[in-house]
Amino acid sequence: MAKKRYSFSFDAPVTILLVFAYIAAYALDISIHSRLPLPEGQSLTSWLLSCSTIDVRAPLDYVRLFAHVLGSDSWIPLLRNALVLLILGRSAEEGAGSLPLAVMMLLSALVSGVIACLIPGFSVQGPDPLIFMLLLLNFFISLSGSVISFSWILAFLAFTALRAYAVIVPIVPASPMEMLKPCLPILISLAGGIAGSIPSVFILGKGTGTSRPKTAARPKAKPNKNEKKGRLDISKDETVMAGSDDTFTETLDI
């Protein structure tokens, strides 16, 4: 009996590399941040992996526009977000392709970072824009197959409610205007997710995503030698019969 052979599949490279970078950034921050040449009283997350203002003459500010999605405050939200990214990212990368997904992630991070910079005294960090984008992308992938996925709609609403609950409940007695400011991160992340998922409408419409492999055509069965010989004998007989009919007709005419 032949043994089964298993192969290692790096099936979602963009998603896996993103999660590795996300975890490594926080691990580096808590392990050797005291040895890094950071400004006094700041960590790697607050200094590099958060976006609040932009100076056109500061090269690091352009890095923060994209790197803020790798920021995290503790292990619990990091592991939760990493799990969500792995689940959503794999299906999205299979449907849209690795390169288009990477472009949409960069676009989502850029839009959310730019919006955060336009609001004074406000900063944004974390992969929430990417999660919103992946939820929308998975919904669009199912929609491209003429299926309205109710599960993806529920997942999008559940994640939005979870993020809103985390920021609204601690300040419930406050006025509506005071509750609006803590909701800004959710709105900015949602805007970044929507902007990042817009290219998927054109990508999926053109069918440039990962397509299912086509079924190989079955080879035509070759006739046996006996069948060939039988066909030749039948054709000879038909020819002889046709020739005898012609001779008989000519004899009658005479």
C-alpha atoms as a PDB file:
ATOM      1  CA  MET A   1       0.000   0.000   0.000  1.00  0.00           C
ATOM      2  CA  ALA A   2       1.446   3.337  -1.059  1.00  0.00           C
ATOM      3  CA  LYS A   3       2.158   5.866   1.684  1.00  0.00           C
ATOM      4  CA  LYS A   4       0.514   9.266   1.569  1.00  0.00           C
ATOM      5  CA  ARG A   5       2.865  12.162   0.955  1.00  0.00           C
ATOM      6  CA  TYR A   6       2.068  15.555   2.441  1.00  0.00           C
ATOM      7  CA  SER A   7       3.394  18.814   1.020  1.00  0.00           C
ATOM      8  CA  PHE A   8       3.820  22.109   2.853  1.00  0.00           C
ATOM      9  CA  SER A   9       1.652  24.836   1.294  1.00  0.00           C
ATOM     10  CA  PHE A  10       2.405  28.542   1.723  1.00  0.00           C
ATOM     11  CA  ASP A  11      -1.142  29.191   0.589  1.00  0.00           C
ATOM     12  CA  ALA A  12      -1.656  32.843   1.640  1.00  0.00           C
ATOM     13  CA  PRO A  13       1.774  34.545   1.566  1.00  0.00           C
ATOM     14  CA  VAL A  14       0.564  38.147   1.905  1.00  0.00           C
ATOM     15  CA  THR A  15      -1.685  37.346   4.872  1.00  0.00           C
ATOM     16  CA  ILE A  16       0.940  35.228   6.628  1.00  0.00           C
ATOM     17  CA  LEU A  17       3.672  37.848   6.184  1.00  0.00           C
ATOM     18  CA  LEU A  18       1.313  40.546   7.481  1.00  0.00           C
ATOM     19  CA  VAL A  19       0.518  38.561  10.629  1.00  0.00           C
ATOM     20  CA  PHE A  20       4.214  37.773  11.204  1.00  0.00           C
ATOM     21  CA  ALA A  21       5.083  41.480  10.893  1.00  0.00           C
ATOM     22  CA  TYR A  22       2.199  42.404  13.195  1.00  0.00           C
ATOM     23  CA  ILE A  23       3.329  40.005  15.933  1.00  0.00           C
ATOM     24  CA  ALA A  24       7.046  40.764  15.472  1.00  0.00           C
ATOM     25  CA  ALA A  25       6.500  44.524  15.817  1.00  0.00           C
ATOM     26  CA  TYR A  26       4.852  44.152  19.226  1.00  0.00           C
ATOM     27  CA  ALA A  27       7.321  41.477  20.381  1.00  0.00           C
ATOM     28  CA  LEU A  28      10.174  43.803  19.441  1.00  0.00           C
ATOM     29  CA  ASP A  29       8.494  46.669  21.254  1.00  0.00           C
ATOM     30  CA  ILE A  30       8.099  44.870  24.580  1.00  0.00           C
ATOM     31  CA  SER A  31      11.461  43.069  24.468  1.00  0.00           C
ATOM     32  CA  ILE A  32      14.092  45.600  23.415  1.00  0.00           C
ATOM     33  CA  HIS A  33      12.281  48.939  23.306  1.00  0.00           C
ATOM     34  CA  SER A  34      14.539  50.215  26.125  1.00  0.00           C
ATOM     35  CA  ARG A  35      17.580  49.648  23.884  1.00  0.00           C
ATOM     36  CA  LEU A  36      16.084  51.384  20.866  1.00  0.00           C
ATOM     37  CA  PRO A  37      16.923  55.071  20.270  1.00  0.00           C
ATOM     38  CA  LEU A  38      13.362  56.264  20.906  1.00  0.00           C
ATOM     39  CA  PRO A  39      12.230  59.639  22.271  1.00  0.00           C
ATOM     40  CA  GLU A  40      11.829  59.729  26.025  1.00  0.00           C
ATOM     41  CA  GLY A  41       8.541  58.308  27.297  1.00  0.00           C
ATOM     42  CA  GLN A  42       7.589  56.689  23.987  1.00  0.00           C
ATOM     43  CA  SER A  43       7.454  53.108  22.831  1.00  0.00           C
ATOM     44  CA  LEU A  44       7.931  51.719  19.344  1.00  0.00           C
ATOM     45  CA  THR A  45       4.157  51.519  18.927  1.00  0.00           C
ATOM     46  CA  SER A  46       3.460  55.119  19.930  1.00  0.00           C
ATOM     47  CA  TRP A  47       6.470  56.461  18.005  1.00  0.00           C
ATOM     48  CA  LEU A  48       6.424  54.554  14.709  1.00  0.00           C
ATOM     49  CA  LEU A  49       3.281  52.412  14.587  1.00  0.00           C
ATOM     50  CA  SER A  50       0.705  55.144  15.118  1.00  0.00           C
ATOM     51  CA  CYS A  51      -0.361  57.981  12.843  1.00  0.00           C
ATOM     52  CA  SER A  52      -1.495  61.387  14.111  1.00  0.00           C
ATOM     53  CA  THR A  53       0.181  64.180  12.144  1.00  0.00           C
ATOM     54  CA  ILE A  54       2.209  64.437   8.973  1.00  0.00           C
ATOM     55  CA  ASP A  55       5.150  66.639   8.093  1.00  0.00           C
ATOM     56  CA  VAL A  56       5.970  66.627   4.388  1.00  0.00           C
ATOM     57  CA  ARG A  57       9.660  67.070   5.235  1.00  0.00           C
ATOM     58  CA  ALA A  58       9.798  64.083   7.617  1.00  0.00           C
ATOM     59  CA  PRO A  59      10.355  60.751   5.836  1.00  0.00           C
ATOM     60  CA  LEU A  60       9.164  58.747   8.863  1.00  0.00           C
ATOM     61  CA  ASP A  61       5.726  60.324   8.656  1.00  0.00           C
ATOM     62  CA  TYR A  62       5.241  58.669   5.264  1.00  0.00           C
ATOM     63  CA  VAL A  63       6.168  55.327   6.838  1.00  0.00           C
ATOM     64  CA  ARG A  64       3.620  55.901   9.616  1.00  0.00           C
ATOM     65  CA  LEU A  65       0.870  56.357   7.031  1.00  0.00           C
ATOM     66  CA  PHE A  66       1.214  52.642   6.235  1.00  0.00           C
ATOM     67  CA  ALA A  67       2.841  51.151   9.357  1.00  0.00           C
ATOM     68  CA  HIS A  68       0.142  52.241  11.797  1.00  0.00           C
ATOM     69  CA  VAL A  69      -1.854  49.072  10.969  1.00  0.00           C
ATOM     70  CA  LEU A  70       0.879  47.048  12.742  1.00  0.00           C
ATOM     71  CA  GLY A  71       0.430  48.813  16.086  1.00  0.00           C
ATOM     72  CA  SER A  72      -0.951  47.078  19.175  1.00  0.00           C
ATOM     73  CA  ASP A  73      -1.240  47.846  22.895  1.00  0.00           C
ATOM     74  CA  SER A  74      -1.283  44.362  24.410  1.00  0.00           C
ATOM     75  CA  TRP A  75      -1.140  40.675  23.597  1.00  0.00           C
ATOM     76  CA  ILE A  76      -4.897  40.042  23.900  1.00  0.00           C
ATOM     77  CA  PRO A  77      -6.059  42.335  21.068  1.00  0.00           C
ATOM     78  CA  LEU A  78      -2.982  41.362  19.055  1.00  0.00           C
ATOM     79  CA  LEU A  79      -3.771  37.641  19.145  1.00  0.00           C
ATOM     80  CA  ARG A  80      -7.465  38.284  18.490  1.00  0.00           C
ATOM     81  CA  ASN A  81      -6.716  40.479  15.483  1.00  0.00           C
ATOM     82  CA  ALA A  82      -4.073  38.057  14.195  1.00  0.00           C
ATOM     83  CA  LEU A  83      -6.605  35.212  14.291  1.00  0.00           C
ATOM     84  CA  VAL A  84      -9.213  37.298  12.443  1.00  0.00           C
ATOM     85  CA  LEU A  85      -6.646  38.337   9.815  1.00  0.00           C
ATOM     86  CA  LEU A  86      -5.628  34.731   9.176  1.00  0.00           C
ATOM     87  CA  ILE A  87      -9.220  33.537   8.802  1.00  0.00           C
ATOM     88  CA  LEU A  88     -10.359  36.388   6.580  1.00  0.00           C
ATOM     89  CA  GLY A  89      -7.115  36.872   4.680  1.00  0.00           C
ATOM     90  CA  ARG A  90      -6.794  33.319   3.406  1.00  0.00           C
ATOM     91  CA  SER A  91     -10.208  33.249   1.735  1.00  0.00           C
ATOM     92  CA  ALA A  92      -9.761  36.786   0.395  1.00  0.00           C
ATOM     93  CA  GLU A  93      -6.336  35.969  -1.050  1.00  0.00           C
ATOM     94  CA  GLU A  94      -7.664  32.836  -2.741  1.00  0.00           C
ATOM     95  CA  GLY A  95     -10.488  34.818  -4.329  1.00  0.00           C
ATOM     96  CA  ALA A  96      -8.687  38.016  -5.339  1.00  0.00           C
ATOM     97  CA  GLY A  97      -5.028  36.977  -5.647  1.00  0.00           C
ATOM     98  CA  SER A  98      -1.952  37.881  -3.601  1.00  0.00           C
ATOM     99  CA  LEU A  99      -0.806  40.993  -5.466  1.00  0.00           C
ATOM    100  CA  PRO A 100      -4.257  42.646  -5.645  1.00  0.00           C
ATOM    101  CA  LEU A 101      -4.781  41.929  -1.951  1.00  0.00           C
ATOM    102  CA  ALA A 102      -1.450  43.554  -1.062  1.00  0.00           C
ATOM    103  CA  VAL A 103      -2.402  46.661  -3.064  1.00  0.00           C
ATOM    104  CA  MET A 104      -5.795  46.853  -1.350  1.00  0.00           C
ATOM    105  CA  MET A 105      -4.158  46.541   2.075  1.00  0.00           C
ATOM    106  CA  LEU A 106      -1.759  49.389   1.313  1.00  0.00           C
ATOM    107  CA  LEU A 107      -4.608  51.529   0.017  1.00  0.00           C
ATOM    108  CA  SER A 108      -6.708  50.837   3.105  1.00  0.00           C
ATOM    109  CA  ALA A 109      -3.832  51.746   5.434  1.00  0.00           C
ATOM    110  CA  LEU A 110      -3.035  54.893   3.445  1.00  0.00           C
ATOM    111  CA  VAL A 111      -6.598  56.229   3.420  1.00  0.00           C
ATOM    112  CA  SER A 112      -7.151  55.647   7.132  1.00  0.00           C
ATOM    113  CA  GLY A 113      -3.765  57.223   7.944  1.00  0.00           C
ATOM    114  CA  VAL A 114      -4.454  60.320   5.838  1.00  0.00           C
ATOM    115  CA  ILE A 115      -7.890  60.808   7.423  1.00  0.00           C
ATOM    116  CA  ALA A 116      -6.385  60.495  10.913  1.00  0.00           C
ATOM    117  CA  CYS A 117      -3.770  63.130  10.070  1.00  0.00           C
ATOM    118  CA  LEU A 118      -6.506  65.551   9.011  1.00  0.00           C
ATOM    119  CA  ILE A 119      -8.120  65.417  12.463  1.00  0.00           C
ATOM    120  CA  PRO A 120      -6.100  67.484  14.990  1.00  0.00           C
ATOM    121  CA  GLY A 121      -5.125  65.807  18.237  1.00  0.00           C
ATOM    122  CA  PHE A 122      -6.131  62.364  17.045  1.00  0.00           C
ATOM    123  CA  SER A 123      -4.099  59.243  16.296  1.00  0.00           C
ATOM    124  CA  VAL A 124      -4.925  55.829  14.846  1.00  0.00           C
ATOM    125  CA  GLN A 125      -3.251  52.440  15.146  1.00  0.00           C
ATOM    126  CA  GLY A 126      -4.134  48.803  14.683  1.00  0.00           C
ATOM    127  CA  PRO A 127      -5.296  46.585  11.800  1.00  0.00           C
ATOM    128  CA  ASP A 128      -9.001  47.476  12.015  1.00  0.00           C
ATOM    129  CA  PRO A 129      -9.009  49.098   8.526  1.00  0.00           C
ATOM    130  CA  LEU A 130      -7.591  45.882   7.077  1.00  0.00           C
ATOM    131  CA  ILE A 131     -10.188  43.741   8.860  1.00  0.00           C
ATOM    132  CA  PHE A 132     -13.030  45.891   7.554  1.00  0.00           C
ATOM    133  CA  MET A 133     -11.525  45.687   4.070  1.00  0.00           C
ATOM    134  CA  LEU A 134     -11.206  41.886   4.248  1.00  0.00           C
ATOM    135  CA  LEU A 135     -14.806  41.522   5.404  1.00  0.00           C
ATOM    136  CA  LEU A 136     -16.038  43.620   2.494  1.00  0.00           C
ATOM    137  CA  LEU A 137     -13.720  41.839   0.062  1.00  0.00           C
ATOM    138  CA  ASN A 138     -15.003  38.406   1.067  1.00  0.00           C
ATOM    139  CA  PHE A 139     -18.554  39.652   0.605  1.00  0.00           C
ATOM    140  CA  PHE A 140     -17.709  40.981  -2.876  1.00  0.00           C
ATOM    141  CA  ILE A 141     -16.059  37.658  -3.768  1.00  0.00           C
ATOM    142  CA  SER A 142     -19.246  35.775  -2.894  1.00  0.00           C
ATOM    143  CA  LEU A 143     -21.264  38.425  -4.736  1.00  0.00           C
ATOM    144  CA  SER A 144     -19.178  37.903  -7.872  1.00  0.00           C
ATOM    145  CA  GLY A 145     -20.390  34.308  -7.875  1.00  0.00           C
ATOM    146  CA  SER A 146     -24.022  35.546  -7.880  1.00  0.00           C
ATOM    147  CA  VAL A 147     -24.393  34.690  -4.184  1.00  0.00           C
ATOM    148  CA  ILE A 148     -25.375  37.159  -1.449  1.00  0.00           C
ATOM    149  CA  SER A 149     -23.600  35.729   1.591  1.00  0.00           C
ATOM    150  CA  PHE A 150     -25.619  36.401   4.726  1.00  0.00           C
ATOM    151  CA  SER A 151     -22.783  35.080   6.916  1.00  0.00           C
ATOM    152  CA  TRP A 152     -20.380  37.766   5.693  1.00  0.00           C
ATOM    153  CA  ILE A 153     -22.994  40.452   6.349  1.00  0.00           C
ATOM    154  CA  LEU A 154     -23.423  39.153   9.904  1.00  0.00           C
ATOM    155  CA  ALA A 155     -19.648  39.001  10.392  1.00  0.00           C
ATOM    156  CA  PHE A 156     -19.299  42.625   9.268  1.00  0.00           C
ATOM    157  CA  LEU A 157     -22.092  43.795  11.609  1.00  0.00           C
ATOM    158  CA  ALA A 158     -20.740  41.731  14.504  1.00  0.00           C
ATOM    159  CA  PHE A 159     -17.219  43.131  14.182  1.00  0.00           C
ATOM    160  CA  THR A 160     -18.560  46.692  13.922  1.00  0.00           C
ATOM    161  CA  ALA A 161     -20.711  46.145  17.017  1.00  0.00           C
ATOM    162  CA  LEU A 162     -17.750  44.664  18.899  1.00  0.00           C
ATOM    163  CA  ARG A 163     -15.535  47.656  18.158  1.00  0.00           C
ATOM    164  CA  ALA A 164     -18.334  50.107  18.977  1.00  0.00           C
ATOM    165  CA  TYR A 165     -19.106  48.321  22.246  1.00  0.00           C
ATOM    166  CA  ALA A 166     -15.468  48.534  23.345  1.00  0.00           C
ATOM    167  CA  VAL A 167     -15.359  52.326  22.993  1.00  0.00           C
ATOM    168  CA  ILE A 168     -18.935  53.394  23.789  1.00  0.00           C
ATOM    169  CA  VAL A 169     -19.792  51.402  26.922  1.00  0.00           C
ATOM    170  CA  PRO A 170     -17.143  53.020  29.189  1.00  0.00           C
ATOM    171  CA  ILE A 171     -18.603  56.491  28.436  1.00  0.00           C
ATOM    172  CA  VAL A 172     -22.349  55.744  28.246  1.00  0.00           C
ATOM    173  CA  PRO A 173     -23.395  58.558  30.631  1.00  0.00           C
ATOM    174  CA  ALA A 174     -21.709  61.107  28.353  1.00  0.00           C
ATOM    175  CA  SER A 175     -23.552  63.299  25.874  1.00  0.00           C
ATOM    176  CA  PRO A 176     -23.910  62.230  22.210  1.00  0.00           C
ATOM    177  CA  MET A 177     -21.227  64.716  21.134  1.00  0.00           C
ATOM    178  CA  GLU A 178     -18.811  63.372  23.717  1.00  0.00           C
ATOM    179  CA  MET A 179     -19.549  59.819  22.541  1.00  0.00           C
ATOM    180  CA  LEU A 180     -18.792  60.756  18.935  1.00  0.00           C
ATOM    181  CA  LYS A 181     -15.083  61.356  19.506  1.00  0.00           C
ATOM    182  CA  PRO A 182     -14.312  57.799  20.762  1.00  0.00           C
ATOM    183  CA  CYS A 183     -16.216  56.487  17.734  1.00  0.00           C
ATOM    184  CA  LEU A 184     -13.886  58.271  15.330  1.00  0.00           C
ATOM    185  CA  PRO A 185     -11.421  55.339  15.182  1.00  0.00           C
ATOM    186  CA  ILE A 186     -14.252  53.050  14.038  1.00  0.00           C
ATOM    187  CA  LEU A 187     -15.414  55.528  11.397  1.00  0.00           C
ATOM    188  CA  ILE A 188     -11.860  56.061  10.145  1.00  0.00           C
ATOM    189  CA  SER A 189     -11.205  52.310  10.021  1.00  0.00           C
ATOM    190  CA  LEU A 190     -14.487  51.805   8.177  1.00  0.00           C
ATOM    191  CA  ALA A 191     -13.584  54.520   5.675  1.00  0.00           C
ATOM    192  CA  GLY A 192     -10.187  52.919   5.111  1.00  0.00           C
ATOM    193  CA  GLY A 193     -11.782  49.498   4.682  1.00  0.00           C
ATOM    194  CA  ILE A 194     -14.292  50.781   2.139  1.00  0.00           C
ATOM    195  CA  ALA A 195     -11.598  52.627   0.192  1.00  0.00           C
ATOM    196  CA  GLY A 196      -9.341  49.574   0.175  1.00  0.00           C
ATOM    197  CA  SER A 197     -12.092  47.264  -1.057  1.00  0.00           C
ATOM    198  CA  ILE A 198     -13.135  49.483  -3.988  1.00  0.00           C
ATOM    199  CA  PRO A 199     -10.507  48.026  -6.400  1.00  0.00           C
ATOM    200  CA  SER A 200     -12.013  44.579  -5.835  1.00  0.00           C
ATOM    201  CA  VAL A 201     -15.077  45.648  -7.821  1.00  0.00           C
ATOM    202  CA  PHE A 202     -12.889  46.037 -10.933  1.00  0.00           C
ATOM    203  CA  ILE A 203     -10.580  43.103 -10.140  1.00  0.00           C
ATOM    204  CA  LEU A 204     -13.386  40.610  -9.596  1.00  0.00           C
ATOM    205  CA  GLY A 205     -15.353  42.032 -12.515  1.00  0.00           C
ATOM    206  CA  LYS A 206     -12.480  41.279 -14.897  1.00  0.00           C
ATOM    207  CA  GLY A 207     -11.973  37.834 -13.405  1.00  0.00           C
ATOM    208  CA  THR A 208      -8.306  38.356 -12.542  1.00  0.00           C
ATOM    209  CA  GLY A 209      -8.610  36.553  -9.240  1.00  0.00           C
ATOM    210  CA  THR A 210      -7.543  33.023  -8.584  1.00  0.00           C
ATOM    211  CA  SER A 211      -9.684  30.825 -10.788  1.00  0.00           C
ATOM    212  CA  ARG A 212     -10.588  27.231 -10.183  1.00  0.00           C
ATOM    213  CA  PRO A 213      -8.572  24.731 -12.189  1.00  0.00           C
ATOM    214  CA  LYS A 214     -10.362  23.508 -15.284  1.00  0.00           C
ATOM    215  CA  THR A 215     -11.233  19.842 -15.558  1.00  0.00           C
ATOM    216  CA  ALA A 216      -8.882  18.058 -17.892  1.00  0.00           C
ATOM    217  CA  ALA A 217     -10.467  16.751 -21.077  1.00  0.00           C
ATOM    218  CA  ARG A 218     -10.798  13.005 -21.201  1.00  0.00           C
ATOM    219  CA  PRO A 219      -8.689  11.379 -23.930  1.00  0.00           C
ATOM    220  CA  LYS A 220     -10.651   9.652 -26.658  1.00  0.00           C
ATOM    221  CA  ALA A 221     -10.549   5.885 -26.497  1.00  0.00           C
ATOM    222  CA  LYS A 222      -8.525   4.356 -29.297  1.00  0.00           C
ATOM    223  CA  PRO A 223     -10.332   1.607 -31.242  1.00  0.00           C
ATOM    224  CA  ASN A 224      -8.894  -1.872 -31.059  1.00  0.00           C
ATOM    225  CA  LYS A 225      -7.287  -3.589 -34.045  1.00  0.00           C
ATOM    226  CA  ASN A 226     -10.163  -6.049 -34.248  1.00  0.00           C
ATOM    227  CA  GLU A 227     -12.673  -3.192 -34.417  1.00  0.00           C
ATOM    228  CA  LYS A 228     -10.646  -1.535 -37.216  1.00  0.00           C
ATOM    229  CA  LYS A 229     -10.503  -4.808 -39.121  1.00  0.00           C
ATOM    230  CA  GLY A 230     -14.238  -5.354 -38.704  1.00  0.00           C
ATOM    231  CA  ARG A 231     -14.977  -1.862 -40.037  1.00  0.00           C
ATOM    232  CA  LEU A 232     -12.745  -2.465 -43.077  1.00  0.00           C
ATOM    233  CA  ASP A 233     -14.491  -5.770 -43.833  1.00  0.00           C
ATOM    234  CA  ILE A 234     -17.919  -4.153 -43.574  1.00  0.00           C
ATOM    235  CA  SER A 235     -16.892  -1.314 -45.929  1.00  0.00           C
ATOM    236  CA  LYS A 236     -15.541  -3.849 -48.486  1.00  0.00           C
ATOM    237  CA  ASP A 237     -18.775  -5.786 -48.411  1.00  0.00           C
ATOM    238  CA  GLU A 238     -20.802  -2.651 -48.911  1.00  0.00           C
ATOM    239  CA  THR A 239     -18.599  -1.736 -51.916  1.00  0.00           C
ATOM    240  CA  VAL A 240     -19.074  -5.174 -53.509  1.00  0.00           C
ATOM    241  CA  MET A 241     -22.799  -5.044 -52.997  1.00  0.00           C
ATOM    242  CA  ALA A 242     -22.983  -1.592 -54.505  1.00  0.00           C
ATOM    243  CA  GLY A 243     -20.947  -2.764 -57.505  1.00  0.00           C
ATOM    244  CA  SER A 244     -23.196  -5.839 -58.101  1.00  0.00           C
ATOM    245  CA  ASP A 245     -26.301  -3.640 -58.027  1.00  0.00           C
ATOM    246  CA  ASP A 246     -24.815  -1.402 -60.710  1.00  0.00           C
ATOM    247  CA  THR A 247     -23.954  -4.438 -62.922  1.00  0.00           C
ATOM    248  CA  PHE A 248     -27.472  -5.824 -62.565  1.00  0.00           C
ATOM    249  CA  THR A 249     -28.987  -2.497 -63.545  1.00  0.00           C
ATOM    250  CA  GLU A 250     -26.790  -2.276 -66.652  1.00  0.00           C
ATOM    251  CA  THR A 251     -27.803  -5.857 -67.680  1.00  0.00           C
ATOM    252  CA  LEU A 252     -31.482  -5.013 -67.493  1.00  0.00           C
ATOM    253  CA  ASP A 253     -30.948  -1.901 -69.591  1.00  0.00           C
ATOM    254  CA  ILE A 254     -29.368  -3.977 -72.370  1.00  0.00           C
END
